[in-house]
C-alpha atoms as a PDB file:
ATOM      1  CA  UNK A   1     126.835 157.284 124.314  1.00  0.00           C
ATOM      2  CA  UNK A   2     125.177 154.521 126.120  1.00  0.00           C
ATOM      3  CA  UNK A   3     121.267 153.966 126.483  1.00  0.00           C
ATOM      4  CA  UNK A   4     121.386 154.709 130.148  1.00  0.00           C
ATOM      5  CA  UNK A   5     123.220 158.180 129.210  1.00  0.00           C
ATOM      6  CA  UNK A   6     120.633 158.886 126.314  1.00  0.00           C
ATOM      7  CA  UNK A   7     118.065 158.208 128.944  1.00  0.00           C
ATOM      8  CA  UNK A   8     119.426 160.336 131.545  1.00  0.00           C
ATOM      9  CA  UNK A   9     119.793 163.158 128.978  1.00  0.00           C
ATOM     10  CA  UNK A  10     116.121 162.802 127.759  1.00  0.00           C
ATOM     11  CA  UNK A  11     115.327 163.058 131.569  1.00  0.00           C
ATOM     12  CA  UNK A  12     117.404 166.035 132.391  1.00  0.00           C
ATOM     13  CA  UNK A  13     115.942 167.968 129.389  1.00  0.00           C
ATOM     14  CA  UNK A  14     112.255 167.100 130.488  1.00  0.00           C
ATOM     15  CA  UNK A  15     112.874 168.073 133.869  1.00  0.00           C
ATOM     16  CA  UNK A  16     114.600 171.242 132.800  1.00  0.00           C
ATOM     17  CA  UNK A  17     111.387 172.130 130.541  1.00  0.00           C
ATOM     18  CA  UNK A  18     108.693 171.203 132.915  1.00  0.00           C
ATOM     19  CA  UNK A  19     109.788 170.643 136.843  1.00  0.00           C
ATOM     20  CA  UNK A  20     106.638 169.301 137.808  1.00  0.00           C
ATOM     21  CA  UNK A  21     106.569 166.428 135.482  1.00  0.00           C
ATOM     22  CA  UNK A  22     105.188 163.392 136.950  1.00  0.00           C
ATOM     23  CA  UNK A  23     106.967 159.862 137.037  1.00  0.00           C
ATOM     24  CA  UNK A  24     104.160 158.453 134.970  1.00  0.00           C
ATOM     25  CA  UNK A  25     104.608 161.199 132.295  1.00  0.00           C
ATOM     26  CA  UNK A  26     108.271 160.691 132.106  1.00  0.00           C
ATOM     27  CA  UNK A  27     107.831 156.906 131.711  1.00  0.00           C
ATOM     28  CA  UNK A  28     105.230 157.622 128.953  1.00  0.00           C
ATOM     29  CA  UNK A  29     107.459 159.923 126.891  1.00  0.00           C
ATOM     30  CA  UNK A  30     110.599 157.687 127.391  1.00  0.00           C
ATOM     31  CA  UNK A  31     108.446 154.455 126.730  1.00  0.00           C
ATOM     32  CA  UNK A  32     109.365 152.816 129.793  1.00  0.00           C
ATOM     33  CA  UNK A  33     107.705 151.465 132.984  1.00  0.00           C
ATOM     34  CA  UNK A  34     107.266 153.818 135.942  1.00  0.00           C
ATOM     35  CA  UNK A  35     109.317 151.633 138.018  1.00  0.00           C
ATOM     36  CA  UNK A  36     112.370 152.324 135.484  1.00  0.00           C
ATOM     37  CA  UNK A  37     111.644 155.937 135.678  1.00  0.00           C
ATOM     38  CA  UNK A  38     111.675 155.980 139.355  1.00  0.00           C
ATOM     39  CA  UNK A  39     114.870 154.101 139.214  1.00  0.00           C
ATOM     40  CA  UNK A  40     116.479 156.378 136.769  1.00  0.00           C
ATOM     41  CA  UNK A  41     115.213 159.527 138.728  1.00  0.00           C
ATOM     42  CA  UNK A  42     116.634 157.935 142.099  1.00  0.00           C
ATOM     43  CA  UNK A  43     119.973 157.612 140.196  1.00  0.00           C
ATOM     44  CA  UNK A  44     120.084 161.154 139.108  1.00  0.00           C
ATOM     45  CA  UNK A  45     119.320 162.266 142.248  1.00  0.00           C
ATOM     46  CA  UNK A  46     122.003 160.056 143.936  1.00  0.00           C
ATOM     47  CA  UNK A  47     124.481 161.606 141.557  1.00  0.00           C
ATOM     48  CA  UNK A  48     123.671 164.908 142.587  1.00  0.00           C
ATOM     49  CA  UNK A  49     122.457 166.045 139.386  1.00  0.00           C
ATOM     50  CA  UNK A  50     118.721 166.659 140.335  1.00  0.00           C
ATOM     51  CA  UNK A  51     117.028 167.725 143.605  1.00  0.00           C
ATOM     52  CA  UNK A  52     113.606 166.542 144.602  1.00  0.00           C
ATOM     53  CA  UNK A  53     111.172 168.915 146.254  1.00  0.00           C
ATOM     54  CA  UNK A  54     108.099 167.683 147.857  1.00  0.00           C
ATOM     55  CA  UNK A  55     105.132 170.173 147.608  1.00  0.00           C
ATOM     56  CA  UNK A  56     101.979 168.948 149.442  1.00  0.00           C
ATOM     57  CA  UNK A  57      98.469 170.216 148.962  1.00  0.00           C
ATOM     58  CA  UNK A  58      96.432 171.403 152.184  1.00  0.00           C
ATOM     59  CA  UNK A  59      92.812 171.318 151.147  1.00  0.00           C
ATOM     60  CA  UNK A  60      90.445 168.611 151.198  1.00  0.00           C
ATOM     61  CA  UNK A  61      91.101 165.073 149.580  1.00  0.00           C
ATOM     62  CA  UNK A  62      94.076 166.582 148.223  1.00  0.00           C
ATOM     63  CA  UNK A  63      95.722 166.950 151.330  1.00  0.00           C
ATOM     64  CA  UNK A  64      97.067 163.191 151.023  1.00  0.00           C
ATOM     65  CA  UNK A  65      98.457 163.901 147.684  1.00  0.00           C
ATOM     66  CA  UNK A  66     102.156 164.840 147.193  1.00  0.00           C
ATOM     67  CA  UNK A  67     103.394 166.617 144.098  1.00  0.00           C
ATOM     68  CA  UNK A  68     107.114 166.458 143.329  1.00  0.00           C
ATOM     69  CA  UNK A  69     109.341 169.230 141.529  1.00  0.00           C
ATOM     70  CA  UNK A  70     112.523 168.400 140.403  1.00  0.00           C
ATOM     71  CA  UNK A  71     115.172 170.855 139.786  1.00  0.00           C
ATOM     72  CA  UNK A  72     118.483 170.462 138.118  1.00  0.00           C
ATOM     73  CA  UNK A  73     121.308 171.406 140.341  1.00  0.00           C
ATOM     74  CA  UNK A  74     124.483 172.934 138.992  1.00  0.00           C
ATOM     75  CA  UNK A  75     126.135 169.793 138.624  1.00  0.00           C
ATOM     76  CA  UNK A  76     123.138 168.407 136.706  1.00  0.00           C
ATOM     77  CA  UNK A  77     123.222 171.463 134.398  1.00  0.00           C
ATOM     78  CA  UNK A  78     126.864 170.821 133.638  1.00  0.00           C
ATOM     79  CA  UNK A  79     126.013 167.025 133.049  1.00  0.00           C
ATOM     80  CA  UNK A  80     122.961 167.950 130.674  1.00  0.00           C
ATOM     81  CA  UNK A  81     125.425 170.400 128.715  1.00  0.00           C
ATOM     82  CA  UNK A  82     128.304 167.661 128.641  1.00  0.00           C
ATOM     83  CA  UNK A  83     125.770 164.986 127.385  1.00  0.00           C
ATOM     84  CA  UNK A  84     124.366 167.295 124.986  1.00  0.00           C
ATOM     85  CA  UNK A  85     127.845 168.125 123.575  1.00  0.00           C
ATOM     86  CA  UNK A  86     128.618 164.514 123.264  1.00  0.00           C
ATOM     87  CA  UNK A  87     125.122 163.490 121.619  1.00  0.00           C
ATOM     88  CA  UNK A  88     125.992 166.498 119.165  1.00  0.00           C
ATOM     89  CA  UNK A  89     129.234 165.245 118.352  1.00  0.00           C
ATOM     90  CA  UNK A  90     128.438 161.968 117.829  1.00  0.00           C
ATOM     91  CA  UNK A  91     125.328 163.015 115.337  1.00  0.00           C
ATOM     92  CA  UNK A  92     127.867 165.175 113.519  1.00  0.00           C
ATOM     93  CA  UNK A  93     129.960 161.857 112.982  1.00  0.00           C
ATOM     94  CA  UNK A  94     127.322 159.958 111.587  1.00  0.00           C
ATOM     95  CA  UNK A  95     126.184 162.867 109.374  1.00  0.00           C
ATOM     96  CA  UNK A  96     129.911 163.121 108.078  1.00  0.00           C
ATOM     97  CA  UNK A  97     130.094 159.243 107.476  1.00  0.00           C
ATOM     98  CA  UNK A  98     126.711 158.999 105.826  1.00  0.00           C
ATOM     99  CA  UNK A  99     127.698 162.183 103.462  1.00  0.00           C
ATOM    100  CA  UNK A 100     130.853 160.258 102.540  1.00  0.00           C
ATOM    101  CA  UNK A 101     128.734 157.185 101.700  1.00  0.00           C
ATOM    102  CA  UNK A 102     126.371 158.893  99.624  1.00  0.00           C
ATOM    103  CA  UNK A 103     129.486 160.447  97.848  1.00  0.00           C
ATOM    104  CA  UNK A 104     130.839 157.098  96.974  1.00  0.00           C
ATOM    105  CA  UNK A 105     127.442 155.794  95.772  1.00  0.00           C
ATOM    106  CA  UNK A 106     127.123 158.719  93.615  1.00  0.00           C
ATOM    107  CA  UNK A 107     130.508 158.264  92.058  1.00  0.00           C
ATOM    108  CA  UNK A 108     129.656 154.577  91.518  1.00  0.00           C
ATOM    109  CA  UNK A 109     126.439 155.355  90.049  1.00  0.00           C
ATOM    110  CA  UNK A 110     128.043 157.588  87.716  1.00  0.00           C
ATOM    111  CA  UNK A 111     130.630 155.382  86.698  1.00  0.00           C
ATOM    112  CA  UNK A 112     128.113 152.684  86.063  1.00  0.00           C
ATOM    113  CA  UNK A 113     125.987 155.212  83.644  1.00  0.00           C
ATOM    114  CA  UNK A 114     129.388 156.462  81.778  1.00  0.00           C
ATOM    115  CA  UNK A 115     130.567 152.904  81.306  1.00  0.00           C
ATOM    116  CA  UNK A 116     126.863 152.016  79.993  1.00  0.00           C
ATOM    117  CA  UNK A 117     127.059 154.575  77.403  1.00  0.00           C
ATOM    118  CA  UNK A 118     130.651 153.738  76.154  1.00  0.00           C
ATOM    119  CA  UNK A 119     129.080 150.082  75.107  1.00  0.00           C
ATOM    120  CA  UNK A 120     126.296 151.350  73.081  1.00  0.00           C
END
């Protein structure tokens, strides 16, 4: 999974959990600039994975402010599922590799202990 795919997965999850999240909040949570968050959101929208809905306030000073709600499209939901499966498969492979490495180290350590006892 590439870094961009990881960022896409994290954004899709955040948008799914909090549809009215701001780009600044996304950027803060991802540890990236607001400009990069904007770029990634536009990329996801361009792929048809999310849809943006503008909501305008109609009273007082807030009349000039726009709020955006992000919605995962059916294609976005499928992409999130696919990216999640890939991520989990990779994590499982890493877990199995680490487990095998620990087993080898345990055997080596046991061999050293046994060899040390035989020399005494």
